[in-house]
Amino acid sequence: MSDLNHYYGGDLTQSATGDLLKVDGTTQGQQRVLRRLLTNPAAFDRNGNVTVSGDYIFHPTYGAGLPRMVGDTVNIAKIKGVIRGQILLEASVARNPEPIITVTEIQGGVSVYIHYNDAQTGKPVALSFDVNR
């Protein structure tokens, strides 16, 4: 099934005639991985009460919450673990070979590089992005 062509933080993509473009395949998988990693889930207290609202009100536990981690003391191992756990929830990410995740601290945030294989085609996919305050 196709999604609307949309990279996180940007506008929906239009054709020359103004129609909304659809996306599928590897690009759809990349967009879904980025959306998952850059979406903040809700935070809950020990009693299950929401303490911080998530970005998707109808899916409060969806997302890795990388933007919320920026500004804290950078814990590279924790960030890599969260990324690994979250991207493996996406059907487009092959489990074998294991995704390679590199996180580097930069001024005001982190830079992330992810190399994984597309689950349907087996072809390598590379994603890189920065998360800043």
N, C-alpha and C. Protein backbone atom coordinates (compact mmCIF):
# COMPACT_ATOMS: atom_id res chain seq x y z
N MET A 1 0.83 -1.16 0.00
CA MET A 1 0.00 0.00 0.00
C MET A 1 0.89 1.24 0.00
N SER A 2 0.52 2.23 -0.75
CA SER A 2 1.29 3.47 -0.86
C SER A 2 0.95 4.43 0.27
N ASP A 3 1.92 5.29 0.57
CA ASP A 3 1.71 6.41 1.49
C ASP A 3 1.78 7.68 0.65
N LEU A 4 1.36 8.80 1.26
CA LEU A 4 1.62 10.08 0.62
C LEU A 4 3.10 10.38 0.76
N ASN A 5 3.70 10.96 -0.28
CA ASN A 5 5.12 11.26 -0.30
C ASN A 5 5.38 12.44 0.64
N HIS A 6 6.00 12.13 1.79
CA HIS A 6 6.21 13.16 2.80
C HIS A 6 7.42 12.82 3.66
N TYR A 7 8.43 13.67 3.62
CA TYR A 7 9.56 13.53 4.53
C TYR A 7 9.28 14.33 5.78
N TYR A 8 9.61 13.75 6.93
CA TYR A 8 9.37 14.36 8.22
C TYR A 8 9.89 15.79 8.23
N GLY A 9 9.05 16.71 8.68
CA GLY A 9 9.45 18.11 8.80
C GLY A 9 9.25 18.91 7.53
N GLY A 10 8.81 18.26 6.46
CA GLY A 10 8.61 18.95 5.20
C GLY A 10 7.15 18.97 4.80
N ASP A 11 6.90 19.47 3.61
CA ASP A 11 5.54 19.51 3.08
C ASP A 11 5.26 18.25 2.29
N LEU A 12 3.98 17.99 2.08
CA LEU A 12 3.59 16.91 1.18
C LEU A 12 4.10 17.27 -0.22
N THR A 13 4.45 16.25 -0.99
CA THR A 13 5.01 16.48 -2.33
C THR A 13 3.89 16.49 -3.35
N GLN A 14 3.93 17.49 -4.23
CA GLN A 14 2.90 17.62 -5.27
C GLN A 14 3.50 17.36 -6.64
N SER A 15 2.63 16.89 -7.54
CA SER A 15 3.03 16.73 -8.94
C SER A 15 2.96 18.10 -9.62
N ALA A 16 3.36 18.14 -10.87
CA ALA A 16 3.31 19.38 -11.64
C ALA A 16 1.88 19.90 -11.78
N THR A 17 0.89 19.00 -11.71
CA THR A 17 -0.51 19.41 -11.84
C THR A 17 -1.17 19.68 -10.50
N GLY A 18 -0.41 19.55 -9.39
CA GLY A 18 -0.94 19.86 -8.08
C GLY A 18 -1.49 18.67 -7.31
N ASP A 19 -1.45 17.49 -7.92
CA ASP A 19 -1.91 16.29 -7.21
C ASP A 19 -0.88 15.90 -6.15
N LEU A 20 -1.35 15.28 -5.08
CA LEU A 20 -0.44 14.77 -4.06
C LEU A 20 0.20 13.49 -4.58
N LEU A 21 1.53 13.41 -4.48
CA LEU A 21 2.24 12.23 -4.95
C LEU A 21 2.24 11.14 -3.90
N LYS A 22 2.21 9.91 -4.36
CA LYS A 22 2.29 8.76 -3.49
C LYS A 22 3.70 8.20 -3.53
N VAL A 23 4.03 7.39 -2.55
CA VAL A 23 5.35 6.77 -2.49
C VAL A 23 5.18 5.33 -2.02
N ASP A 24 6.05 4.46 -2.50
CA ASP A 24 6.07 3.08 -2.04
C ASP A 24 7.50 2.57 -2.13
N GLY A 25 7.70 1.31 -1.82
CA GLY A 25 9.02 0.70 -1.94
C GLY A 25 10.02 1.24 -0.93
N THR A 26 11.27 1.31 -1.35
CA THR A 26 12.36 1.71 -0.46
C THR A 26 12.18 3.12 0.08
N THR A 27 11.73 4.05 -0.76
CA THR A 27 11.55 5.43 -0.30
C THR A 27 10.47 5.50 0.77
N GLN A 28 9.41 4.73 0.61
CA GLN A 28 8.36 4.68 1.62
C GLN A 28 8.95 4.17 2.95
N GLY A 29 9.78 3.15 2.88
CA GLY A 29 10.41 2.62 4.08
C GLY A 29 11.30 3.64 4.76
N GLN A 30 12.08 4.39 3.98
CA GLN A 30 12.94 5.44 4.54
C GLN A 30 12.10 6.50 5.25
N GLN A 31 11.02 6.92 4.61
CA GLN A 31 10.17 7.94 5.20
C GLN A 31 9.54 7.44 6.50
N ARG A 32 9.14 6.17 6.54
CA ARG A 32 8.54 5.62 7.75
C ARG A 32 9.56 5.50 8.89
N VAL A 33 10.79 5.12 8.56
CA VAL A 33 11.83 5.02 9.58
C VAL A 33 12.11 6.41 10.16
N LEU A 34 12.27 7.41 9.30
CA LEU A 34 12.52 8.78 9.78
C LEU A 34 11.37 9.27 10.64
N ARG A 35 10.14 9.05 10.19
CA ARG A 35 8.97 9.51 10.96
C ARG A 35 8.95 8.85 12.34
N ARG A 36 9.22 7.55 12.40
CA ARG A 36 9.22 6.83 13.68
C ARG A 36 10.30 7.40 14.62
N LEU A 37 11.50 7.60 14.09
CA LEU A 37 12.61 8.04 14.94
C LEU A 37 12.43 9.47 15.44
N LEU A 38 11.82 10.32 14.63
CA LEU A 38 11.71 11.73 14.96
C LEU A 38 10.39 12.11 15.61
N THR A 39 9.53 11.12 15.87
CA THR A 39 8.26 11.36 16.53
C THR A 39 8.41 11.10 18.03
N ASN A 40 7.91 12.03 18.84
CA ASN A 40 7.96 11.89 20.29
C ASN A 40 6.73 11.14 20.79
N PRO A 41 6.93 10.03 21.52
CA PRO A 41 5.79 9.35 22.14
C PRO A 41 5.38 10.10 23.41
N ALA A 42 4.21 9.77 23.91
CA ALA A 42 3.79 10.33 25.19
C ALA A 42 4.67 9.75 26.30
N ALA A 43 4.80 10.49 27.39
CA ALA A 43 5.52 9.99 28.57
C ALA A 43 4.48 9.72 29.65
N PHE A 44 4.70 8.64 30.38
CA PHE A 44 3.75 8.21 31.40
C PHE A 44 4.44 8.13 32.76
N ASP A 45 3.68 8.39 33.83
CA ASP A 45 4.23 8.19 35.17
C ASP A 45 4.02 6.73 35.59
N ARG A 46 4.40 6.40 36.81
CA ARG A 46 4.33 5.01 37.27
C ARG A 46 2.90 4.48 37.36
N ASN A 47 1.93 5.37 37.42
CA ASN A 47 0.53 4.96 37.50
C ASN A 47 -0.15 4.88 36.13
N GLY A 48 0.63 5.14 35.07
CA GLY A 48 0.09 5.09 33.72
C GLY A 48 -0.57 6.38 33.26
N ASN A 49 -0.40 7.45 34.02
CA ASN A 49 -0.96 8.75 33.63
C ASN A 49 0.01 9.46 32.69
N VAL A 50 -0.53 10.12 31.69
CA VAL A 50 0.29 10.86 30.73
C VAL A 50 0.87 12.08 31.42
N THR A 51 2.20 12.21 31.36
CA THR A 51 2.88 13.38 31.93
C THR A 51 3.30 14.36 30.83
N VAL A 52 3.57 13.83 29.64
CA VAL A 52 3.91 14.66 28.49
C VAL A 52 3.18 14.08 27.29
N SER A 53 2.44 14.91 26.57
CA SER A 53 1.70 14.44 25.41
C SER A 53 2.65 14.02 24.30
N GLY A 54 2.25 13.02 23.53
CA GLY A 54 3.03 12.60 22.37
C GLY A 54 2.64 13.39 21.14
N ASP A 55 3.40 13.20 20.06
CA ASP A 55 3.13 13.92 18.82
C ASP A 55 1.89 13.39 18.09
N TYR A 56 1.56 12.10 18.26
CA TYR A 56 0.38 11.50 17.62
C TYR A 56 -0.63 11.18 18.71
N ILE A 57 -1.70 11.95 18.80
CA ILE A 57 -2.64 11.76 19.90
C ILE A 57 -3.38 10.43 19.83
N PHE A 58 -3.54 9.87 18.64
CA PHE A 58 -4.25 8.60 18.52
C PHE A 58 -3.33 7.39 18.65
N HIS A 59 -2.02 7.62 18.69
CA HIS A 59 -1.03 6.56 18.88
C HIS A 59 0.01 7.06 19.89
N PRO A 60 -0.37 7.15 21.16
CA PRO A 60 0.50 7.82 22.14
C PRO A 60 1.84 7.14 22.37
N THR A 61 1.97 5.86 22.09
CA THR A 61 3.25 5.18 22.34
C THR A 61 4.12 5.08 21.09
N TYR A 62 3.65 5.62 19.97
CA TYR A 62 4.41 5.54 18.72
C TYR A 62 5.58 6.51 18.74
N GLY A 63 6.73 6.05 18.31
CA GLY A 63 7.88 6.93 18.10
C GLY A 63 9.04 6.64 19.04
N ALA A 64 10.22 7.02 18.57
CA ALA A 64 11.45 6.82 19.33
C ALA A 64 11.75 7.99 20.26
N GLY A 65 11.27 9.17 19.91
CA GLY A 65 11.49 10.33 20.76
C GLY A 65 12.88 10.92 20.70
N LEU A 66 13.58 10.77 19.56
CA LEU A 66 14.94 11.33 19.48
C LEU A 66 14.97 12.83 19.73
N PRO A 67 14.02 13.62 19.22
CA PRO A 67 14.08 15.06 19.49
C PRO A 67 14.03 15.39 20.98
N ARG A 68 13.32 14.59 21.76
CA ARG A 68 13.21 14.82 23.20
C ARG A 68 14.53 14.50 23.91
N MET A 69 15.38 13.69 23.31
CA MET A 69 16.66 13.31 23.92
C MET A 69 17.71 14.40 23.78
N VAL A 70 17.53 15.28 22.80
CA VAL A 70 18.49 16.36 22.59
C VAL A 70 18.30 17.40 23.68
N GLY A 71 19.40 17.82 24.25
CA GLY A 71 19.37 18.76 25.37
C GLY A 71 19.73 18.06 26.66
N ASP A 72 19.50 16.73 26.71
CA ASP A 72 19.96 15.93 27.84
C ASP A 72 21.44 15.66 27.65
N THR A 73 22.07 15.10 28.68
CA THR A 73 23.43 14.62 28.50
C THR A 73 23.38 13.52 27.45
N VAL A 74 24.22 13.64 26.45
CA VAL A 74 24.18 12.69 25.34
C VAL A 74 24.70 11.32 25.79
N ASN A 75 23.86 10.31 25.60
CA ASN A 75 24.21 8.94 25.92
C ASN A 75 24.14 8.16 24.60
N ILE A 76 25.27 8.07 23.92
CA ILE A 76 25.32 7.45 22.59
C ILE A 76 24.78 6.03 22.61
N ALA A 77 25.16 5.23 23.59
CA ALA A 77 24.70 3.84 23.66
C ALA A 77 23.18 3.77 23.80
N LYS A 78 22.61 4.63 24.62
CA LYS A 78 21.15 4.65 24.79
C LYS A 78 20.45 5.03 23.50
N ILE A 79 20.96 6.06 22.83
CA ILE A 79 20.35 6.53 21.58
C ILE A 79 20.42 5.43 20.53
N LYS A 80 21.57 4.78 20.40
CA LYS A 80 21.71 3.68 19.43
C LYS A 80 20.75 2.55 19.75
N GLY A 81 20.58 2.22 21.03
CA GLY A 81 19.66 1.17 21.43
C GLY A 81 18.22 1.49 21.09
N VAL A 82 17.82 2.73 21.34
CA VAL A 82 16.47 3.17 21.01
C VAL A 82 16.25 3.11 19.50
N ILE A 83 17.22 3.60 18.74
CA ILE A 83 17.11 3.57 17.27
C ILE A 83 16.96 2.13 16.79
N ARG A 84 17.83 1.24 17.26
CA ARG A 84 17.79 -0.17 16.83
C ARG A 84 16.42 -0.79 17.14
N GLY A 85 15.94 -0.61 18.36
CA GLY A 85 14.66 -1.18 18.74
C GLY A 85 13.51 -0.64 17.92
N GLN A 86 13.54 0.64 17.61
CA GLN A 86 12.45 1.25 16.87
C GLN A 86 12.47 0.91 15.38
N ILE A 87 13.64 0.93 14.74
CA ILE A 87 13.65 0.66 13.30
C ILE A 87 13.29 -0.80 13.01
N LEU A 88 13.58 -1.68 13.94
CA LEU A 88 13.22 -3.09 13.72
C LEU A 88 11.72 -3.32 13.84
N LEU A 89 10.97 -2.32 14.27
CA LEU A 89 9.51 -2.39 14.26
C LEU A 89 8.93 -2.11 12.88
N GLU A 90 9.75 -1.58 11.99
CA GLU A 90 9.30 -1.27 10.63
C GLU A 90 9.49 -2.48 9.72
N ALA A 91 8.45 -2.84 8.99
CA ALA A 91 8.49 -4.01 8.11
C ALA A 91 9.51 -3.85 6.98
N SER A 92 9.88 -2.64 6.65
CA SER A 92 10.81 -2.40 5.54
C SER A 92 12.26 -2.66 5.91
N VAL A 93 12.57 -2.82 7.20
CA VAL A 93 13.95 -2.99 7.66
C VAL A 93 14.24 -4.47 7.86
N ALA A 94 15.21 -4.99 7.10
CA ALA A 94 15.60 -6.39 7.23
C ALA A 94 16.33 -6.59 8.56
N ARG A 95 16.10 -7.73 9.18
CA ARG A 95 16.77 -8.04 10.44
C ARG A 95 18.15 -8.65 10.22
N ASN A 96 18.36 -9.18 9.02
CA ASN A 96 19.64 -9.81 8.68
C ASN A 96 20.06 -9.34 7.30
N PRO A 97 21.19 -8.71 7.16
CA PRO A 97 22.18 -8.43 8.20
C PRO A 97 21.67 -7.34 9.16
N GLU A 98 22.22 -7.36 10.34
CA GLU A 98 21.86 -6.41 11.39
C GLU A 98 22.12 -4.97 10.91
N PRO A 99 21.17 -4.04 11.15
CA PRO A 99 21.42 -2.64 10.77
C PRO A 99 22.67 -2.08 11.48
N ILE A 100 23.37 -1.21 10.79
CA ILE A 100 24.54 -0.53 11.35
C ILE A 100 24.11 0.88 11.70
N ILE A 101 24.31 1.26 12.95
CA ILE A 101 23.86 2.57 13.43
C ILE A 101 25.06 3.31 14.01
N THR A 102 25.29 4.52 13.52
CA THR A 102 26.36 5.36 14.02
C THR A 102 25.74 6.65 14.53
N VAL A 103 26.03 6.99 15.76
CA VAL A 103 25.55 8.23 16.36
C VAL A 103 26.76 9.02 16.82
N THR A 104 26.83 10.27 16.41
CA THR A 104 27.95 11.14 16.74
C THR A 104 27.42 12.42 17.37
N GLU A 105 28.03 12.83 18.46
CA GLU A 105 27.62 14.08 19.08
C GLU A 105 28.13 15.24 18.23
N ILE A 106 27.26 16.21 17.99
CA ILE A 106 27.62 17.43 17.26
C ILE A 106 27.21 18.62 18.12
N GLN A 107 27.60 19.80 17.71
CA GLN A 107 27.23 21.01 18.43
C GLN A 107 25.71 21.12 18.49
N GLY A 108 25.13 21.05 19.69
CA GLY A 108 23.70 21.23 19.86
C GLY A 108 22.85 20.02 19.54
N GLY A 109 23.45 18.84 19.39
CA GLY A 109 22.64 17.67 19.08
C GLY A 109 23.46 16.46 18.73
N VAL A 110 22.87 15.61 17.89
CA VAL A 110 23.55 14.40 17.43
C VAL A 110 23.35 14.25 15.93
N SER A 111 24.31 13.58 15.32
CA SER A 111 24.22 13.21 13.90
C SER A 111 24.06 11.69 13.85
N VAL A 112 23.10 11.22 13.05
CA VAL A 112 22.78 9.81 12.99
C VAL A 112 22.98 9.30 11.56
N TYR A 113 23.65 8.15 11.46
CA TYR A 113 23.82 7.46 10.18
C TYR A 113 23.34 6.03 10.38
N ILE A 114 22.43 5.59 9.53
CA ILE A 114 21.88 4.23 9.63
C ILE A 114 22.04 3.55 8.28
N HIS A 115 22.58 2.35 8.32
CA HIS A 115 22.71 1.52 7.11
C HIS A 115 21.97 0.22 7.38
N TYR A 116 20.95 -0.06 6.57
CA TYR A 116 20.19 -1.30 6.71
C TYR A 116 19.85 -1.84 5.33
N ASN A 117 19.37 -3.05 5.27
CA ASN A 117 18.92 -3.62 4.01
C ASN A 117 17.40 -3.57 3.96
N ASP A 118 16.87 -3.26 2.77
CA ASP A 118 15.44 -3.24 2.55
C ASP A 118 14.93 -4.68 2.66
N ALA A 119 13.89 -4.90 3.45
CA ALA A 119 13.38 -6.24 3.70
C ALA A 119 12.79 -6.89 2.45
N GLN A 120 12.26 -6.10 1.51
CA GLN A 120 11.65 -6.68 0.32
C GLN A 120 12.65 -6.90 -0.80
N THR A 121 13.53 -5.93 -1.02
CA THR A 121 14.46 -6.04 -2.15
C THR A 121 15.82 -6.60 -1.75
N GLY A 122 16.17 -6.51 -0.46
CA GLY A 122 17.48 -6.94 0.00
C GLY A 122 18.58 -5.93 -0.29
N LYS A 123 18.22 -4.83 -0.94
CA LYS A 123 19.22 -3.81 -1.31
C LYS A 123 19.56 -2.93 -0.11
N PRO A 124 20.83 -2.47 -0.06
CA PRO A 124 21.23 -1.59 1.05
C PRO A 124 20.56 -0.22 0.97
N VAL A 125 20.25 0.31 2.14
CA VAL A 125 19.62 1.62 2.27
C VAL A 125 20.43 2.41 3.29
N ALA A 126 20.69 3.66 3.00
CA ALA A 126 21.42 4.53 3.93
C ALA A 126 20.55 5.73 4.27
N LEU A 127 20.51 6.05 5.54
CA LEU A 127 19.80 7.24 6.03
C LEU A 127 20.76 8.03 6.90
N SER A 128 20.74 9.34 6.77
CA SER A 128 21.53 10.17 7.68
C SER A 128 20.74 11.44 7.96
N PHE A 129 20.81 11.87 9.20
CA PHE A 129 20.10 13.08 9.61
C PHE A 129 20.69 13.58 10.92
N ASP A 130 20.44 14.84 11.21
CA ASP A 130 20.86 15.45 12.46
C ASP A 130 19.63 15.74 13.30
N VAL A 131 19.79 15.64 14.60
CA VAL A 131 18.74 16.03 15.54
C VAL A 131 19.35 17.13 16.40
N ASN A 132 18.79 18.33 16.29
CA ASN A 132 19.31 19.49 17.01
C ASN A 132 18.29 20.01 18.01
N ARG A 133 18.80 20.77 18.95
CA ARG A 133 17.90 21.40 19.94
C ARG A 133 16.91 22.29 19.30
